[in-house]
Amino acid sequence: EFLTDVGATDNRTLLQYTTSSEVGGTYGNFGGAGDGPVLDESPKFITPNTNTRVRGLAAADNTRDFFMTDIPWEGYSVDGVDLQRGANSILFGMGSPAGIINTRTKTAMFQNANEVSFRVGSYGSDREMLDLNRVLIENQLAIRVAAVRNNEKFKQEPAYSKDERIFSALRYEPAFLKKNAFIPILGAGLF
């Protein structure tokens, strides 16, 4: 719900609203590593996860479903984000002193659901998102498909960033595997 409330779609737009976090670049609050006023946007495009700083230390390690990753996350395929700072990140078996940022990817559910969103931004930016979940076989098979088209424009023309992505998840729990899955244990006095 917080991601939706603030309109966060990635590390850069989420960490602006968290405590003890800094975001680099022109939209952020972090201008460099303390060795002078440096605004470098190139890390945003090459390795977007390194253009942030947590607890004043370094960029937090990024995980997807608790597996380390260098691939930046995009909000259209994420159900939630867990932020663990400092020593707490070690509880997950990994993590830098700055912590970890874990994203939980969307999963298929045994309930039909739809979500469509459209938003507009500064300088003609727009973002369209689609999220469909369909049950194919009741309580056994479901599929979820999410797609996004993000066209971000900036003050200086012709600067822009266009992103089109699609994500899918399949969930299959066959009924024959669920039969007799739970065998109650009777008390010692009953034979």
N, C-alpha and C. Protein backbone atom coordinates (compact mmCIF):
# COMPACT_ATOMS: atom_id res chain seq x y z
N GLU A 1 0.82 -1.19 0.00
CA GLU A 1 0.00 0.00 0.00
C GLU A 1 0.87 1.25 0.00
N PHE A 2 1.99 1.21 0.73
CA PHE A 2 2.87 2.37 0.76
C PHE A 2 3.44 2.68 -0.61
N LEU A 3 3.83 1.64 -1.36
CA LEU A 3 4.35 1.85 -2.71
C LEU A 3 3.32 2.58 -3.57
N THR A 4 2.07 2.19 -3.47
CA THR A 4 1.00 2.83 -4.23
C THR A 4 0.77 4.25 -3.75
N ASP A 5 0.77 4.44 -2.43
CA ASP A 5 0.50 5.77 -1.87
C ASP A 5 1.51 6.82 -2.33
N VAL A 6 2.78 6.47 -2.38
CA VAL A 6 3.81 7.44 -2.77
C VAL A 6 4.17 7.35 -4.25
N GLY A 7 3.61 6.38 -4.96
CA GLY A 7 3.88 6.23 -6.38
C GLY A 7 5.28 5.69 -6.68
N ALA A 8 5.85 4.93 -5.75
CA ALA A 8 7.20 4.40 -5.93
C ALA A 8 7.20 3.25 -6.92
N THR A 9 8.19 3.25 -7.82
CA THR A 9 8.29 2.20 -8.82
C THR A 9 9.66 1.53 -8.85
N ASP A 10 10.62 2.05 -8.07
CA ASP A 10 11.98 1.48 -8.04
C ASP A 10 12.69 2.00 -6.79
N ASN A 11 13.97 1.58 -6.62
CA ASN A 11 14.74 2.03 -5.45
C ASN A 11 14.81 3.55 -5.35
N ARG A 12 15.02 4.20 -6.46
CA ARG A 12 15.19 5.65 -6.48
C ARG A 12 13.94 6.36 -5.96
N THR A 13 12.76 5.92 -6.39
CA THR A 13 11.54 6.60 -5.97
C THR A 13 11.05 6.13 -4.61
N LEU A 14 11.45 4.95 -4.15
CA LEU A 14 11.04 4.46 -2.83
C LEU A 14 11.90 5.03 -1.72
N LEU A 15 13.22 5.00 -1.87
CA LEU A 15 14.12 5.39 -0.79
C LEU A 15 14.04 6.86 -0.44
N GLN A 16 13.45 7.68 -1.29
CA GLN A 16 13.24 9.09 -0.96
C GLN A 16 12.33 9.25 0.25
N TYR A 17 11.50 8.25 0.53
CA TYR A 17 10.51 8.34 1.60
C TYR A 17 10.86 7.49 2.81
N THR A 18 12.05 6.90 2.85
CA THR A 18 12.43 6.07 3.98
C THR A 18 13.47 6.79 4.83
N THR A 19 13.55 6.43 6.09
CA THR A 19 14.50 7.08 6.98
C THR A 19 15.91 6.57 6.75
N SER A 20 16.87 7.42 6.99
CA SER A 20 18.29 7.10 6.91
C SER A 20 18.69 6.56 5.54
N SER A 21 18.05 7.08 4.49
CA SER A 21 18.36 6.66 3.11
C SER A 21 18.57 7.89 2.26
N GLU A 22 19.48 7.78 1.30
CA GLU A 22 19.75 8.88 0.39
C GLU A 22 19.71 8.37 -1.03
N VAL A 23 19.22 9.22 -1.93
CA VAL A 23 19.09 8.86 -3.33
C VAL A 23 19.90 9.86 -4.13
N GLY A 24 20.74 9.37 -5.04
CA GLY A 24 21.58 10.23 -5.86
C GLY A 24 20.86 10.74 -7.07
N GLY A 25 21.44 11.73 -7.69
CA GLY A 25 20.91 12.26 -8.93
C GLY A 25 20.11 13.53 -8.73
N THR A 26 19.56 14.02 -9.83
CA THR A 26 18.87 15.30 -9.80
C THR A 26 17.56 15.28 -9.01
N TYR A 27 16.91 14.11 -8.88
CA TYR A 27 15.67 14.04 -8.12
C TYR A 27 15.92 13.60 -6.68
N GLY A 28 17.14 13.33 -6.33
CA GLY A 28 17.45 12.80 -5.01
C GLY A 28 17.97 13.85 -4.05
N ASN A 29 18.50 13.35 -2.93
CA ASN A 29 19.01 14.22 -1.88
C ASN A 29 20.47 13.89 -1.55
N PHE A 30 21.18 13.25 -2.49
CA PHE A 30 22.55 12.80 -2.28
C PHE A 30 23.37 13.23 -3.48
N GLY A 31 24.35 14.12 -3.23
CA GLY A 31 25.09 14.69 -4.34
C GLY A 31 26.44 14.08 -4.59
N GLY A 32 26.87 13.13 -3.81
CA GLY A 32 28.18 12.53 -4.00
C GLY A 32 28.66 11.86 -2.74
N ALA A 33 29.88 11.41 -2.74
CA ALA A 33 30.43 10.67 -1.60
C ALA A 33 31.17 11.57 -0.62
N GLY A 34 30.93 12.87 -0.65
CA GLY A 34 31.55 13.77 0.29
C GLY A 34 32.84 14.39 -0.22
N ASP A 35 33.23 14.08 -1.45
CA ASP A 35 34.47 14.63 -2.00
C ASP A 35 34.19 15.76 -3.00
N GLY A 36 33.08 16.40 -2.85
CA GLY A 36 32.74 17.52 -3.73
C GLY A 36 31.34 17.36 -4.28
N PRO A 37 30.78 18.43 -4.81
CA PRO A 37 29.43 18.37 -5.36
C PRO A 37 29.42 17.68 -6.72
N VAL A 38 29.09 16.42 -6.73
CA VAL A 38 29.08 15.64 -7.96
C VAL A 38 27.68 15.09 -8.18
N LEU A 39 27.06 15.47 -9.27
CA LEU A 39 25.77 14.91 -9.65
C LEU A 39 26.00 14.04 -10.87
N ASP A 40 26.03 12.75 -10.67
CA ASP A 40 26.33 11.82 -11.75
C ASP A 40 25.11 10.94 -12.01
N GLU A 41 24.44 11.16 -13.12
CA GLU A 41 23.26 10.39 -13.47
C GLU A 41 23.59 9.06 -14.13
N SER A 42 24.84 8.88 -14.58
CA SER A 42 25.16 7.65 -15.32
C SER A 42 24.94 6.39 -14.50
N PRO A 43 25.21 6.35 -13.17
CA PRO A 43 24.91 5.12 -12.44
C PRO A 43 23.43 4.75 -12.48
N LYS A 44 22.56 5.73 -12.62
CA LYS A 44 21.13 5.45 -12.67
C LYS A 44 20.80 4.55 -13.86
N PHE A 45 21.50 4.76 -14.97
CA PHE A 45 21.19 4.01 -16.17
C PHE A 45 22.02 2.74 -16.30
N ILE A 46 23.26 2.76 -15.80
CA ILE A 46 24.12 1.59 -15.92
C ILE A 46 23.84 0.59 -14.80
N THR A 47 23.92 1.03 -13.56
CA THR A 47 23.63 0.19 -12.40
C THR A 47 22.77 1.02 -11.43
N PRO A 48 21.46 1.03 -11.63
CA PRO A 48 20.60 1.92 -10.85
C PRO A 48 20.61 1.65 -9.35
N ASN A 49 20.92 0.44 -8.92
CA ASN A 49 20.89 0.13 -7.50
C ASN A 49 22.04 0.76 -6.74
N THR A 50 23.11 1.20 -7.42
CA THR A 50 24.25 1.76 -6.72
C THR A 50 24.15 3.27 -6.55
N ASN A 51 23.12 3.88 -7.03
CA ASN A 51 22.95 5.32 -6.93
C ASN A 51 22.18 5.72 -5.68
N THR A 52 22.26 4.88 -4.66
CA THR A 52 21.61 5.15 -3.38
C THR A 52 22.59 4.89 -2.25
N ARG A 53 22.24 5.38 -1.07
CA ARG A 53 23.08 5.16 0.10
C ARG A 53 22.16 4.99 1.32
N VAL A 54 22.43 3.96 2.12
CA VAL A 54 21.62 3.66 3.29
C VAL A 54 22.49 3.78 4.53
N ARG A 55 21.97 4.41 5.57
CA ARG A 55 22.68 4.62 6.83
C ARG A 55 23.97 5.42 6.63
N GLY A 56 24.09 6.17 5.55
CA GLY A 56 25.28 6.96 5.28
C GLY A 56 26.48 6.13 4.90
N LEU A 57 26.30 4.85 4.63
CA LEU A 57 27.43 3.96 4.36
C LEU A 57 27.63 3.70 2.88
N ALA A 58 26.74 2.94 2.30
CA ALA A 58 26.88 2.51 0.90
C ALA A 58 25.51 2.10 0.39
N ALA A 59 25.49 1.62 -0.83
CA ALA A 59 24.24 1.10 -1.39
C ALA A 59 23.90 -0.22 -0.71
N ALA A 60 22.65 -0.41 -0.39
CA ALA A 60 22.21 -1.67 0.20
C ALA A 60 22.26 -2.77 -0.85
N ASP A 61 22.48 -4.00 -0.39
CA ASP A 61 22.43 -5.14 -1.31
C ASP A 61 20.99 -5.35 -1.74
N ASN A 62 20.79 -5.72 -2.98
CA ASN A 62 19.46 -5.95 -3.51
C ASN A 62 19.21 -7.43 -3.69
N THR A 63 18.05 -7.88 -3.19
CA THR A 63 17.67 -9.28 -3.34
C THR A 63 16.27 -9.35 -3.93
N ARG A 64 16.00 -10.42 -4.62
CA ARG A 64 14.66 -10.70 -5.14
C ARG A 64 14.24 -12.03 -4.57
N ASP A 65 13.20 -12.03 -3.75
CA ASP A 65 12.75 -13.22 -3.04
C ASP A 65 13.92 -13.85 -2.28
N PHE A 66 14.74 -13.00 -1.66
CA PHE A 66 15.90 -13.34 -0.82
C PHE A 66 17.04 -14.01 -1.57
N PHE A 67 17.14 -13.80 -2.89
CA PHE A 67 18.30 -14.21 -3.67
C PHE A 67 18.97 -12.95 -4.19
N MET A 68 20.29 -12.86 -4.03
CA MET A 68 21.05 -11.69 -4.47
C MET A 68 20.84 -11.46 -5.96
N THR A 69 20.73 -10.19 -6.35
CA THR A 69 20.54 -9.84 -7.75
C THR A 69 21.12 -8.47 -8.04
N ASP A 70 21.58 -8.27 -9.26
CA ASP A 70 22.00 -6.96 -9.73
C ASP A 70 20.95 -6.35 -10.64
N ILE A 71 19.90 -7.09 -10.91
CA ILE A 71 18.83 -6.61 -11.79
C ILE A 71 17.93 -5.67 -10.99
N PRO A 72 17.76 -4.44 -11.44
CA PRO A 72 16.90 -3.51 -10.71
C PRO A 72 15.44 -3.94 -10.76
N TRP A 73 14.70 -3.67 -9.70
CA TRP A 73 13.29 -4.05 -9.66
C TRP A 73 12.44 -2.93 -10.22
N GLU A 74 11.27 -3.31 -10.69
CA GLU A 74 10.28 -2.38 -11.23
C GLU A 74 8.96 -2.71 -10.56
N GLY A 75 8.27 -1.72 -10.07
CA GLY A 75 7.08 -1.89 -9.24
C GLY A 75 5.95 -2.70 -9.83
N TYR A 76 5.84 -2.82 -11.13
CA TYR A 76 4.72 -3.52 -11.74
C TYR A 76 4.73 -5.02 -11.42
N SER A 77 5.90 -5.59 -11.12
CA SER A 77 6.00 -7.04 -10.87
C SER A 77 6.27 -7.36 -9.41
N VAL A 78 6.07 -6.39 -8.53
CA VAL A 78 6.43 -6.54 -7.12
C VAL A 78 5.19 -6.46 -6.23
N ASP A 79 5.06 -7.44 -5.31
CA ASP A 79 3.99 -7.40 -4.31
C ASP A 79 4.39 -6.61 -3.07
N GLY A 80 5.68 -6.55 -2.77
CA GLY A 80 6.12 -5.82 -1.60
C GLY A 80 7.63 -5.69 -1.54
N VAL A 81 8.10 -4.77 -0.70
CA VAL A 81 9.53 -4.51 -0.53
C VAL A 81 9.83 -4.55 0.96
N ASP A 82 10.89 -5.28 1.32
CA ASP A 82 11.36 -5.36 2.70
C ASP A 82 12.68 -4.64 2.81
N LEU A 83 12.77 -3.69 3.73
CA LEU A 83 14.02 -2.97 3.96
C LEU A 83 14.60 -3.43 5.29
N GLN A 84 15.82 -3.92 5.25
CA GLN A 84 16.53 -4.33 6.47
C GLN A 84 17.83 -3.56 6.51
N ARG A 85 18.04 -2.79 7.57
CA ARG A 85 19.24 -1.97 7.67
C ARG A 85 20.26 -2.60 8.60
N GLY A 86 21.52 -2.43 8.26
CA GLY A 86 22.62 -2.81 9.14
C GLY A 86 22.65 -4.27 9.51
N ALA A 87 22.86 -4.53 10.79
CA ALA A 87 23.03 -5.90 11.28
C ALA A 87 21.80 -6.76 11.02
N ASN A 88 20.63 -6.16 10.93
CA ASN A 88 19.42 -6.95 10.64
C ASN A 88 19.53 -7.69 9.32
N SER A 89 20.27 -7.13 8.36
CA SER A 89 20.38 -7.78 7.05
C SER A 89 21.11 -9.12 7.16
N ILE A 90 21.95 -9.28 8.16
CA ILE A 90 22.68 -10.53 8.34
C ILE A 90 21.73 -11.66 8.71
N LEU A 91 20.59 -11.34 9.30
CA LEU A 91 19.60 -12.36 9.65
C LEU A 91 19.11 -13.10 8.42
N PHE A 92 19.22 -12.48 7.26
CA PHE A 92 18.79 -13.11 6.01
C PHE A 92 19.93 -13.89 5.37
N GLY A 93 21.08 -13.99 6.04
CA GLY A 93 22.20 -14.76 5.53
C GLY A 93 23.12 -14.01 4.60
N MET A 94 22.85 -12.74 4.38
CA MET A 94 23.70 -11.92 3.51
C MET A 94 23.47 -10.48 3.88
N GLY A 95 24.21 -9.61 3.29
CA GLY A 95 23.94 -8.19 3.48
C GLY A 95 25.18 -7.40 3.80
N SER A 96 25.22 -6.21 3.26
CA SER A 96 26.31 -5.29 3.55
C SER A 96 25.98 -4.54 4.84
N PRO A 97 26.92 -3.78 5.39
CA PRO A 97 26.61 -2.99 6.59
C PRO A 97 25.46 -2.01 6.36
N ALA A 98 25.23 -1.64 5.10
CA ALA A 98 24.12 -0.73 4.80
C ALA A 98 22.78 -1.45 4.88
N GLY A 99 22.76 -2.75 4.65
CA GLY A 99 21.52 -3.53 4.73
C GLY A 99 21.17 -4.18 3.41
N ILE A 100 19.91 -4.66 3.32
CA ILE A 100 19.41 -5.24 2.07
C ILE A 100 18.04 -4.65 1.76
N ILE A 101 17.74 -4.65 0.49
CA ILE A 101 16.41 -4.28 0.01
C ILE A 101 15.89 -5.50 -0.75
N ASN A 102 14.91 -6.17 -0.16
CA ASN A 102 14.35 -7.38 -0.77
C ASN A 102 13.01 -7.07 -1.42
N THR A 103 12.84 -7.52 -2.65
CA THR A 103 11.55 -7.36 -3.32
C THR A 103 10.88 -8.72 -3.44
N ARG A 104 9.58 -8.74 -3.15
CA ARG A 104 8.79 -9.96 -3.26
C ARG A 104 8.01 -9.89 -4.57
N THR A 105 8.30 -10.80 -5.49
CA THR A 105 7.63 -10.77 -6.78
C THR A 105 6.18 -11.25 -6.67
N LYS A 106 5.37 -10.81 -7.60
CA LYS A 106 3.96 -11.20 -7.62
C LYS A 106 3.85 -12.69 -7.91
N THR A 107 2.87 -13.33 -7.31
CA THR A 107 2.61 -14.75 -7.54
C THR A 107 1.17 -14.92 -8.01
N ALA A 108 0.94 -15.99 -8.73
CA ALA A 108 -0.42 -16.31 -9.17
C ALA A 108 -1.24 -16.75 -7.96
N MET A 109 -2.51 -16.35 -7.92
CA MET A 109 -3.40 -16.66 -6.81
C MET A 109 -4.60 -17.44 -7.32
N PHE A 110 -5.24 -18.17 -6.44
CA PHE A 110 -6.44 -18.92 -6.82
C PHE A 110 -7.68 -18.06 -6.64
N GLN A 111 -7.63 -16.87 -7.22
CA GLN A 111 -8.75 -15.92 -7.18
C GLN A 111 -8.56 -14.97 -8.36
N ASN A 112 -9.59 -14.79 -9.18
CA ASN A 112 -9.49 -13.87 -10.32
C ASN A 112 -9.35 -12.44 -9.83
N ALA A 113 -8.45 -11.68 -10.47
CA ALA A 113 -8.23 -10.28 -10.09
C ALA A 113 -7.71 -9.51 -11.30
N ASN A 114 -8.03 -8.22 -11.34
CA ASN A 114 -7.60 -7.33 -12.42
C ASN A 114 -7.16 -6.01 -11.82
N GLU A 115 -6.16 -5.40 -12.43
CA GLU A 115 -5.76 -4.05 -12.05
C GLU A 115 -5.22 -3.35 -13.29
N VAL A 116 -5.71 -2.16 -13.55
CA VAL A 116 -5.24 -1.33 -14.64
C VAL A 116 -4.97 0.04 -14.07
N SER A 117 -3.82 0.61 -14.40
CA SER A 117 -3.54 1.97 -13.92
C SER A 117 -2.89 2.78 -15.02
N PHE A 118 -3.13 4.07 -14.95
CA PHE A 118 -2.57 5.02 -15.90
C PHE A 118 -2.22 6.27 -15.12
N ARG A 119 -1.01 6.78 -15.32
CA ARG A 119 -0.67 8.03 -14.66
C ARG A 119 0.18 8.89 -15.57
N VAL A 120 0.08 10.18 -15.36
CA VAL A 120 0.83 11.14 -16.14
C VAL A 120 1.74 11.92 -15.21
N GLY A 121 2.84 12.44 -15.78
CA GLY A 121 3.81 13.17 -14.97
C GLY A 121 4.31 14.41 -15.68
N SER A 122 5.35 14.97 -15.13
CA SER A 122 5.94 16.20 -15.66
C SER A 122 6.52 15.99 -17.04
N TYR A 123 6.50 17.06 -17.84
CA TYR A 123 7.12 17.13 -19.15
C TYR A 123 6.55 16.11 -20.14
N GLY A 124 5.34 15.64 -19.91
CA GLY A 124 4.70 14.70 -20.84
C GLY A 124 4.97 13.23 -20.53
N SER A 125 5.45 12.94 -19.34
CA SER A 125 5.69 11.54 -18.94
C SER A 125 4.38 10.81 -18.76
N ASP A 126 4.36 9.52 -19.05
CA ASP A 126 3.17 8.71 -18.80
C ASP A 126 3.59 7.29 -18.46
N ARG A 127 2.69 6.60 -17.75
CA ARG A 127 2.95 5.22 -17.32
C ARG A 127 1.63 4.45 -17.34
N GLU A 128 1.62 3.30 -18.03
CA GLU A 128 0.46 2.44 -18.07
C GLU A 128 0.85 1.09 -17.50
N MET A 129 -0.02 0.51 -16.68
CA MET A 129 0.26 -0.78 -16.06
C MET A 129 -0.98 -1.66 -16.12
N LEU A 130 -0.77 -2.97 -16.36
CA LEU A 130 -1.84 -3.95 -16.42
C LEU A 130 -1.43 -5.15 -15.58
N ASP A 131 -2.33 -5.66 -14.74
CA ASP A 131 -2.07 -6.83 -13.89
C ASP A 131 -3.32 -7.71 -13.92
N LEU A 132 -3.19 -8.90 -14.50
CA LEU A 132 -4.31 -9.84 -14.61
C LEU A 132 -3.97 -11.15 -13.93
N ASN A 133 -4.88 -11.67 -13.13
CA ASN A 133 -4.72 -12.98 -12.51
C ASN A 133 -5.95 -13.80 -12.87
N ARG A 134 -5.74 -14.99 -13.40
CA ARG A 134 -6.84 -15.85 -13.81
C ARG A 134 -6.68 -17.25 -13.24
N VAL A 135 -7.79 -17.79 -12.72
CA VAL A 135 -7.82 -19.18 -12.27
C VAL A 135 -8.24 -20.02 -13.46
N LEU A 136 -7.41 -20.98 -13.83
CA LEU A 136 -7.70 -21.85 -14.97
C LEU A 136 -8.38 -23.14 -14.53
N ILE A 137 -7.94 -23.71 -13.41
CA ILE A 137 -8.58 -24.87 -12.79
C ILE A 137 -8.71 -24.53 -11.31
N GLU A 138 -9.94 -24.55 -10.81
CA GLU A 138 -10.20 -24.11 -9.44
C GLU A 138 -9.30 -24.81 -8.42
N ASN A 139 -8.62 -24.00 -7.61
CA ASN A 139 -7.72 -24.45 -6.53
C ASN A 139 -6.58 -25.33 -7.01
N GLN A 140 -6.29 -25.31 -8.32
CA GLN A 140 -5.19 -26.12 -8.85
C GLN A 140 -4.24 -25.35 -9.76
N LEU A 141 -4.79 -24.56 -10.68
CA LEU A 141 -3.96 -23.91 -11.69
C LEU A 141 -4.38 -22.45 -11.87
N ALA A 142 -3.39 -21.55 -11.77
CA ALA A 142 -3.65 -20.12 -11.95
C ALA A 142 -2.46 -19.50 -12.70
N ILE A 143 -2.76 -18.43 -13.41
CA ILE A 143 -1.71 -17.69 -14.13
C ILE A 143 -1.87 -16.21 -13.85
N ARG A 144 -0.75 -15.50 -13.78
CA ARG A 144 -0.76 -14.06 -13.55
C ARG A 144 0.17 -13.41 -14.56
N VAL A 145 -0.31 -12.37 -15.20
CA VAL A 145 0.47 -11.63 -16.19
C VAL A 145 0.40 -10.15 -15.84
N ALA A 146 1.57 -9.52 -15.80
CA ALA A 146 1.65 -8.08 -15.53
C ALA A 146 2.50 -7.45 -16.62
N ALA A 147 2.13 -6.25 -17.02
CA ALA A 147 2.87 -5.52 -18.06
C ALA A 147 2.91 -4.04 -17.70
N VAL A 148 3.97 -3.37 -18.15
CA VAL A 148 4.11 -1.94 -17.90
C VAL A 148 4.72 -1.27 -19.13
N ARG A 149 4.30 -0.07 -19.37
CA ARG A 149 4.91 0.82 -20.37
C ARG A 149 5.15 2.13 -19.66
N ASN A 150 6.43 2.47 -19.47
CA ASN A 150 6.80 3.67 -18.73
C ASN A 150 7.60 4.58 -19.66
N ASN A 151 7.06 5.74 -19.96
CA ASN A 151 7.69 6.71 -20.84
C ASN A 151 8.00 7.96 -20.03
N GLU A 152 9.23 8.03 -19.50
CA GLU A 152 9.62 9.15 -18.63
C GLU A 152 10.36 10.19 -19.45
N LYS A 153 9.89 11.44 -19.38
CA LYS A 153 10.53 12.54 -20.11
C LYS A 153 11.09 13.53 -19.10
N PHE A 154 12.08 14.28 -19.55
CA PHE A 154 12.78 15.21 -18.67
C PHE A 154 12.69 16.63 -19.21
N LYS A 155 13.15 17.58 -18.42
CA LYS A 155 13.03 19.00 -18.77
C LYS A 155 13.77 19.32 -20.07
N GLN A 156 14.95 18.74 -20.23
CA GLN A 156 15.73 19.01 -21.43
C GLN A 156 15.34 18.04 -22.54
N GLU A 157 14.85 18.56 -23.64
CA GLU A 157 14.50 17.71 -24.76
C GLU A 157 15.75 17.39 -25.56
N PRO A 158 15.90 16.27 -26.15
CA PRO A 158 15.00 15.14 -26.27
C PRO A 158 15.27 14.06 -25.24
N ALA A 159 15.71 14.39 -24.03
CA ALA A 159 16.04 13.39 -23.00
C ALA A 159 14.77 12.64 -22.58
N TYR A 160 14.87 11.30 -22.57
CA TYR A 160 13.74 10.47 -22.17
C TYR A 160 14.24 9.08 -21.78
N SER A 161 13.38 8.34 -21.12
CA SER A 161 13.66 6.94 -20.76
C SER A 161 12.38 6.16 -21.02
N LYS A 162 12.43 5.22 -21.96
CA LYS A 162 11.25 4.44 -22.30
C LYS A 162 11.49 3.00 -21.89
N ASP A 163 10.55 2.44 -21.16
CA ASP A 163 10.69 1.09 -20.62
C ASP A 163 9.40 0.32 -20.86
N GLU A 164 9.51 -0.86 -21.48
CA GLU A 164 8.36 -1.74 -21.70
C GLU A 164 8.73 -3.12 -21.18
N ARG A 165 7.93 -3.65 -20.26
CA ARG A 165 8.25 -4.94 -19.64
C ARG A 165 6.98 -5.78 -19.50
N ILE A 166 7.21 -7.11 -19.42
CA ILE A 166 6.12 -8.05 -19.17
C ILE A 166 6.62 -9.10 -18.19
N PHE A 167 5.72 -9.55 -17.32
CA PHE A 167 6.06 -10.51 -16.27
C PHE A 167 4.92 -11.52 -16.18
N SER A 168 5.26 -12.79 -15.97
CA SER A 168 4.21 -13.80 -15.79
C SER A 168 4.61 -14.77 -14.69
N ALA A 169 3.61 -15.33 -14.03
CA ALA A 169 3.81 -16.33 -12.99
C ALA A 169 2.73 -17.39 -13.13
N LEU A 170 3.12 -18.63 -12.93
CA LEU A 170 2.21 -19.76 -13.02
C LEU A 170 2.23 -20.50 -11.69
N ARG A 171 1.05 -20.90 -11.23
CA ARG A 171 0.95 -21.67 -9.97
C ARG A 171 0.15 -22.93 -10.26
N TYR A 172 0.76 -24.07 -9.97
CA TYR A 172 0.10 -25.35 -10.21
C TYR A 172 0.23 -26.22 -8.97
N GLU A 173 -0.90 -26.54 -8.38
CA GLU A 173 -0.98 -27.42 -7.22
C GLU A 173 -2.01 -28.51 -7.53
N PRO A 174 -1.58 -29.62 -8.16
CA PRO A 174 -2.53 -30.65 -8.58
C PRO A 174 -3.26 -31.27 -7.39
N ALA A 175 -4.54 -31.56 -7.60
CA ALA A 175 -5.40 -32.09 -6.52
C ALA A 175 -4.93 -33.46 -6.05
N PHE A 176 -4.40 -34.29 -6.95
CA PHE A 176 -4.00 -35.64 -6.54
C PHE A 176 -2.83 -35.62 -5.56
N LEU A 177 -2.04 -34.55 -5.54
CA LEU A 177 -0.95 -34.44 -4.57
C LEU A 177 -1.45 -33.98 -3.20
N LYS A 178 -2.63 -33.40 -3.17
CA LYS A 178 -3.19 -32.90 -1.92
C LYS A 178 -3.97 -33.97 -1.17
N LYS A 179 -4.34 -35.05 -1.82
CA LYS A 179 -5.11 -36.10 -1.17
C LYS A 179 -4.26 -36.79 -0.11
N ASN A 180 -4.87 -37.02 1.05
CA ASN A 180 -4.20 -37.67 2.17
C ASN A 180 -2.90 -36.99 2.56
N ALA A 181 -2.83 -35.69 2.33
CA ALA A 181 -1.61 -34.96 2.67
C ALA A 181 -1.48 -34.82 4.19
N PHE A 182 -2.61 -34.81 4.88
CA PHE A 182 -2.57 -34.67 6.34
C PHE A 182 -3.22 -35.90 6.97
N ILE A 183 -2.47 -36.66 7.72
CA ILE A 183 -2.98 -37.84 8.41
C ILE A 183 -2.96 -37.53 9.90
N PRO A 184 -4.14 -37.41 10.51
CA PRO A 184 -4.16 -37.08 11.93
C PRO A 184 -3.57 -38.21 12.78
N ILE A 185 -2.85 -37.81 13.80
CA ILE A 185 -2.25 -38.78 14.72
C ILE A 185 -3.20 -38.95 15.90
N LEU A 186 -3.59 -40.19 16.14
CA LEU A 186 -4.54 -40.45 17.21
C LEU A 186 -3.82 -40.52 18.56
N GLY A 187 -4.56 -40.27 19.60
CA GLY A 187 -3.98 -40.30 20.94
C GLY A 187 -3.50 -41.70 21.33
N ALA A 188 -2.66 -41.79 22.31
CA ALA A 188 -2.05 -43.07 22.73
C ALA A 188 -3.09 -44.05 23.25
N GLY A 189 -4.22 -43.56 23.78
CA GLY A 189 -5.21 -44.46 24.35
C GLY A 189 -6.11 -45.09 23.30
N LEU A 190 -6.05 -44.65 22.05
CA LEU A 190 -6.91 -45.17 21.00
C LEU A 190 -6.12 -46.11 20.10
N PHE A 191 -6.58 -47.37 19.96
CA PHE A 191 -5.89 -48.31 19.09
C PHE A 191 -6.82 -48.78 18.01
